[in-house]
Amino acid sequence: MPAALSLVIRPARLGDALAIAALHHTAVHQLGAPYYPREVLAHWSPPVTLTSAERRYRETQDDGGLTLLAEQDGGLAGFGVVLPEAGEIAACYVAPELSRRGIGRALLGAMEATVSAHGVHEINVRASLNAKSFYSAFGYHVSGRGEYRFEDGTVMVVAFMRKDCSPVG
């Protein structure tokens, strides 16, 4: 796995918003397609504009979120969104062509460390069906199944997952 040596994880900036939104759109529409109908994918990740990307980035920050980027060889390889004080992971996406190279694992580890640094030891995630096995591989357990309803009533089935990160002692 030599490619992972050039991986850098850093906090995102407003100037990264468009690249983050574009990666999100690509990942959702490629990786989510086997699990969700087209109408769900269209609501989950609508077409990207600079205005909508910057608005989403600002809303995340205003809600107490921290967006982390994974850069490989200077390019965006993935991103994650964590709400440390709430103990919630809101997003973890990797460019589809770079999947299974440790990028998601590195992002998830950085987000878990951020949550732990805030003294929170239980982490929750509302996982898409295509991400459920990813989180399971890193010790998350399904605590329930639910639905996310978009404004027009379109429903996206999700899995509520949880991990106890309490220090062993």
Foldseek 3Di string as FASTA:
>chain_A
DVQCVQKDKDWDDLVCQQVQLVQQLQQLVPLVPVPDDPVVSCLSRPDDDSVVSSVVVVVLVVVQKIKMFIDTPRHTFWIWIANQVVQETEDTGGRVVCPPPCRSVVRVVVRCVSNVVNVDFKHKYWAAPSCVVVVVVVAKDFPAKDWDADPVGDIGITTIIMHGRDDDD
